[in-house]
Amino acid sequence: MYPRTEYEMTEEDLKTLLEACRPTPAMYLSGGQPMSSSPQENANRAWAALGEKMGFDYNTVQPISGKGQRFFSAVPSETEEARKERLEREAEEKRQREIARLTEEIAEREKQLAALQAA
């Protein structure tokens, strides 16, 4: 995982986020289904869009105390190349673990076979 990084959004980005957080009228369809998204859902979508635009994982956003509303920290999202490299590395590590497990299992079985043949 990448280290946490500080970001600064533009005034326009802040305005968009604050607008998304505004209360929405509570109107429901029959059956209790809301007619519009909740402020939380709108805010989540706005943060996701900002994360896509600025290159961070919107689920990792934290405010930075004392710096103002436009400043926050988050974990940068992976680039496609970084993701590909990580997946390849994880696949190789999994392959090596499986080789080690099978080698250990073979050694144990050979030991059991030798014991049976000696009896």
Protein backbone atom coordinates (compact mmCIF):
# COMPACT_ATOMS: atom_id res chain seq x y z
CA MET A 1 0.00 0.00 0.00
CA TYR A 2 1.24 3.48 -0.76
CA PRO A 3 2.02 5.94 2.05
CA ARG A 4 -0.59 8.53 2.98
CA THR A 5 -0.23 11.74 0.95
CA GLU A 6 -1.49 15.27 1.51
CA TYR A 7 -3.81 16.79 -1.09
CA GLU A 8 -5.36 20.20 -1.67
CA MET A 9 -8.60 20.46 -3.59
CA THR A 10 -9.64 23.53 -5.53
CA GLU A 11 -12.34 25.92 -4.36
CA GLU A 12 -14.58 24.49 -7.09
CA ASP A 13 -13.98 20.93 -5.81
CA LEU A 14 -14.81 22.04 -2.26
CA LYS A 15 -17.98 23.75 -3.48
CA THR A 16 -19.01 20.54 -5.30
CA LEU A 17 -18.43 18.43 -2.17
CA LEU A 18 -20.32 20.82 0.09
CA GLU A 19 -23.19 20.95 -2.40
CA ALA A 20 -23.32 17.14 -2.45
CA CYS A 21 -23.62 17.06 1.36
CA ARG A 22 -26.63 19.36 1.49
CA PRO A 23 -29.83 17.84 2.84
CA THR A 24 -32.25 16.49 0.25
CA PRO A 25 -36.04 16.50 0.53
CA ALA A 26 -37.37 13.34 2.12
CA MET A 27 -39.79 12.15 -0.55
CA TYR A 28 -40.62 8.47 -0.90
CA LEU A 29 -42.19 6.30 -3.54
CA SER A 30 -44.80 3.76 -2.58
CA GLY A 31 -43.17 0.95 -0.64
CA GLY A 32 -40.83 3.31 1.19
CA GLN A 33 -38.25 3.68 -1.59
CA PRO A 34 -36.62 7.14 -1.45
CA MET A 35 -37.03 9.25 -4.59
CA SER A 36 -33.51 10.69 -4.35
CA SER A 37 -30.12 9.77 -2.95
CA SER A 38 -29.23 10.62 0.62
CA PRO A 39 -26.67 13.32 1.39
CA GLN A 40 -24.24 10.55 2.42
CA GLU A 41 -24.64 8.77 -0.93
CA ASN A 42 -24.17 12.07 -2.77
CA ALA A 43 -21.06 12.88 -0.72
CA ASN A 44 -19.61 9.42 -1.37
CA ARG A 45 -20.12 9.87 -5.12
CA ALA A 46 -18.52 13.33 -4.98
CA TRP A 47 -15.48 11.99 -3.08
CA ALA A 48 -15.19 9.07 -5.53
CA ALA A 49 -15.21 11.49 -8.47
CA LEU A 50 -12.59 13.69 -6.77
CA GLY A 51 -10.48 10.61 -6.02
CA GLU A 52 -10.63 9.58 -9.67
CA LYS A 53 -9.69 13.09 -10.75
CA MET A 54 -6.83 13.53 -8.28
CA GLY A 55 -5.61 9.91 -8.08
CA PHE A 56 -6.43 8.80 -4.54
CA ASP A 57 -8.58 6.14 -2.90
CA TYR A 58 -11.62 8.08 -1.68
CA ASN A 59 -12.23 5.54 1.12
CA THR A 60 -8.97 6.61 2.79
CA VAL A 61 -9.63 10.38 3.03
CA GLN A 62 -8.89 12.04 6.37
CA PRO A 63 -9.01 15.75 7.21
CA ILE A 64 -5.79 17.54 8.12
CA SER A 65 -6.26 19.42 11.36
CA GLY A 66 -5.52 23.13 11.27
CA LYS A 67 -5.09 23.42 7.50
CA GLY A 68 -8.60 24.30 6.36
CA GLN A 69 -11.37 22.50 4.51
CA ARG A 70 -9.53 22.14 1.22
CA PHE A 71 -6.68 20.07 2.71
CA PHE A 72 -6.86 16.35 3.39
CA SER A 73 -4.73 13.23 3.29
CA ALA A 74 -5.43 9.99 1.46
CA VAL A 75 -3.69 6.94 0.06
CA PRO A 76 -2.85 7.30 -3.64
CA SER A 77 -4.61 4.80 -5.87
CA GLU A 78 -2.62 2.34 -7.90
CA THR A 79 -1.80 3.02 -11.50
CA GLU A 80 -2.63 0.25 -13.97
CA GLU A 81 1.08 -0.56 -14.28
CA ALA A 82 1.52 -0.72 -10.50
CA ARG A 83 -1.56 -2.93 -10.18
CA LYS A 84 -0.26 -5.29 -12.89
CA GLU A 85 3.14 -5.50 -11.18
CA ARG A 86 1.51 -6.19 -7.80
CA LEU A 87 -0.73 -8.93 -9.22
CA GLU A 88 2.23 -10.56 -10.97
CA ARG A 89 4.31 -10.40 -7.77
CA GLU A 90 1.45 -11.87 -5.71
CA ALA A 91 0.95 -14.67 -8.26
CA GLU A 92 4.66 -15.52 -8.15
CA GLU A 93 4.64 -15.53 -4.33
CA LYS A 94 1.62 -17.84 -4.37
CA ARG A 95 3.37 -20.14 -6.85
CA GLN A 96 6.49 -20.27 -4.67
CA ARG A 97 4.40 -21.07 -1.57
CA GLU A 98 2.68 -23.90 -3.44
CA ILE A 99 6.05 -25.28 -4.60
CA ALA A 100 7.33 -25.20 -1.01
CA ARG A 101 4.15 -26.87 0.28
CA LEU A 102 4.30 -29.63 -2.33
CA THR A 103 8.02 -30.19 -1.78
CA GLU A 104 7.39 -30.57 1.94
CA GLU A 105 4.48 -32.92 1.28
CA ILE A 106 6.57 -35.04 -1.10
CA ALA A 107 9.37 -35.29 1.46
CA GLU A 108 6.87 -36.38 4.13
CA ARG A 109 5.31 -38.98 1.80
CA GLU A 110 8.74 -40.33 0.82
CA LYS A 111 9.54 -40.67 4.52
CA GLN A 112 6.28 -42.56 5.08
CA LEU A 113 6.97 -44.79 2.05
CA ALA A 114 10.49 -45.60 3.27
CA ALA A 115 9.10 -46.54 6.68
CA LEU A 116 6.53 -48.86 5.08
CA GLN A 117 9.12 -50.50 2.83
CA ALA A 118 11.50 -51.06 5.74
CA ALA A 119 8.83 -52.85 7.78
